[in-house]
Amino acid sequence: MEKEYTRATFVKRFLISLGSLIIGSPCFFIGIVGDGKALSVVVLIATIILLIMMFGWIFNVSSNPFLKVLVVIGCCCGLPNALICLTIGSMLMGVGLLILPATLLACYLTFRYFESRPDDVIDQA
């Protein structure tokens, strides 16, 4: 059964994306403004690619080769940082758990962009 892309779908996706960004903002801030210069660049690249993936999901942009390359780059940059934030940050103060919603959304969006069929169908009528 194919889903239709509606205003309710748009609002739901927007709120999920905004919530995961707000909850994970301390981790993004610490990663980008942190001590290590090389790590900061990698976190910034991963954050920008996550934002691009979110906008593509919110506005129901179909997957293309350019987006798939961005998703692969984002996974290579973001996965190690998310794992470090989840393990070390959680042991220290629990701040690392704040990145969990954004990490789960990024995993879902990665699988969505690599699916062979589109997630939703836009009504042509």
Protein backbone atom coordinates (compact mmCIF):
# COMPACT_ATOMS: atom_id res chain seq x y z
CA MET A 1 0.00 0.00 0.00
CA GLU A 2 1.42 3.37 -1.05
CA LYS A 3 1.33 6.33 1.27
CA GLU A 4 0.31 9.78 0.12
CA TYR A 5 2.44 12.80 1.01
CA THR A 6 0.13 15.22 2.83
CA ARG A 7 0.42 18.32 4.98
CA ALA A 8 0.12 16.13 8.07
CA THR A 9 3.10 14.06 6.86
CA PHE A 10 5.07 17.26 6.28
CA VAL A 11 4.29 18.61 9.77
CA LYS A 12 5.10 15.26 11.42
CA ARG A 13 8.45 15.01 9.65
CA PHE A 14 9.27 18.63 10.40
CA LEU A 15 8.52 18.24 14.11
CA ILE A 16 10.53 15.00 14.36
CA SER A 17 13.52 16.63 12.65
CA LEU A 18 13.30 19.80 14.72
CA GLY A 19 12.96 17.83 17.94
CA SER A 20 15.98 15.67 17.22
CA LEU A 21 18.05 18.75 16.38
CA ILE A 22 16.99 20.59 19.52
CA ILE A 23 17.60 17.61 21.79
CA GLY A 24 20.98 16.85 20.18
CA SER A 25 22.14 20.47 19.95
CA PRO A 26 24.48 20.28 22.99
CA CYS A 27 26.33 17.35 21.40
CA PHE A 28 26.51 19.11 18.02
CA PHE A 29 27.82 22.26 19.72
CA ILE A 30 30.42 20.40 21.78
CA GLY A 31 31.55 18.45 18.70
CA ILE A 32 31.87 21.48 16.45
CA VAL A 33 33.43 23.86 18.98
CA GLY A 34 35.48 21.18 20.73
CA ASP A 35 39.23 21.11 21.26
CA GLY A 36 40.30 18.98 18.29
CA LYS A 37 40.38 20.93 15.03
CA ALA A 38 40.15 17.86 12.78
CA LEU A 39 37.26 16.41 14.76
CA SER A 40 35.40 19.73 14.57
CA VAL A 41 35.54 19.73 10.77
CA VAL A 42 34.29 16.14 10.60
CA VAL A 43 31.40 16.90 12.98
CA LEU A 44 30.51 20.01 10.97
CA ILE A 45 30.44 18.01 7.72
CA ALA A 46 28.30 15.30 9.31
CA THR A 47 25.90 17.89 10.75
CA ILE A 48 25.49 19.66 7.40
CA ILE A 49 24.83 16.36 5.63
CA LEU A 50 22.31 15.38 8.32
CA LEU A 51 20.51 18.69 7.70
CA ILE A 52 20.46 18.01 3.95
CA MET A 53 19.07 14.53 4.58
CA MET A 54 16.40 15.98 6.86
CA PHE A 55 15.35 18.59 4.30
CA GLY A 56 15.15 15.88 1.63
CA TRP A 57 12.97 13.78 3.92
CA ILE A 58 10.74 16.68 4.99
CA PHE A 59 10.13 17.84 1.42
CA ASN A 60 9.93 14.26 0.05
CA VAL A 61 12.86 14.56 -2.36
CA SER A 62 13.49 11.28 -4.13
CA SER A 63 16.89 9.68 -3.81
CA ASN A 64 19.47 10.29 -6.52
CA PRO A 65 23.16 9.41 -6.90
CA PHE A 66 24.31 12.78 -5.49
CA LEU A 67 22.25 12.31 -2.31
CA LYS A 68 23.52 8.74 -1.95
CA VAL A 69 27.13 9.95 -2.11
CA LEU A 70 26.35 12.58 0.53
CA VAL A 71 24.74 9.94 2.73
CA VAL A 72 27.84 7.73 2.50
CA ILE A 73 30.10 10.69 3.36
CA GLY A 74 27.79 11.60 6.25
CA CYS A 75 27.92 8.03 7.57
CA CYS A 76 31.71 7.96 7.40
CA CYS A 77 31.92 11.29 9.26
CA GLY A 78 29.02 10.94 11.67
CA LEU A 79 29.08 7.32 12.80
CA PRO A 80 32.41 7.44 14.68
CA ASN A 81 31.44 10.74 16.32
CA ALA A 82 28.05 9.40 17.38
CA LEU A 83 29.63 6.26 18.83
CA ILE A 84 32.21 8.30 20.75
CA CYS A 85 29.50 10.63 22.01
CA LEU A 86 27.28 7.73 23.05
CA THR A 87 30.00 5.76 24.85
CA ILE A 88 32.30 8.35 26.41
CA GLY A 89 29.69 11.10 26.85
CA SER A 90 27.22 8.71 28.47
CA MET A 91 29.79 7.46 30.93
CA LEU A 92 30.79 10.97 31.99
CA MET A 93 27.55 12.87 32.48
CA GLY A 94 24.84 11.34 30.36
CA VAL A 95 25.13 14.20 27.84
CA GLY A 96 25.99 11.69 25.15
CA LEU A 97 22.48 10.27 25.31
CA LEU A 98 21.18 13.56 23.88
CA ILE A 99 22.61 12.58 20.48
CA LEU A 100 20.49 9.41 20.41
CA PRO A 101 17.39 10.90 18.66
CA ALA A 102 19.51 12.46 15.91
CA THR A 103 21.47 9.21 15.50
CA LEU A 104 18.31 7.13 15.19
CA LEU A 105 16.86 9.60 12.67
CA ALA A 106 20.10 9.54 10.68
CA CYS A 107 20.02 5.72 10.59
CA TYR A 108 16.40 5.74 9.39
CA LEU A 109 17.17 8.34 6.72
CA THR A 110 20.20 6.36 5.55
CA PHE A 111 18.07 3.27 5.03
CA ARG A 112 15.39 5.39 3.34
CA TYR A 113 17.85 6.89 0.84
CA PHE A 114 19.22 3.46 -0.09
CA GLU A 115 15.84 1.77 -0.55
CA SER A 116 15.07 0.74 -4.11
CA ARG A 117 11.52 2.11 -3.99
CA PRO A 118 10.38 5.61 -2.99
CA ASP A 119 9.07 6.10 0.53
CA ASP A 120 6.01 8.09 -0.44
CA VAL A 121 4.15 8.93 -3.61
CA ILE A 122 3.14 12.50 -4.38
CA ASP A 123 -0.43 12.71 -5.62
CA GLN A 124 -0.35 13.88 -9.25
CA ALA A 125 -4.05 14.81 -9.41
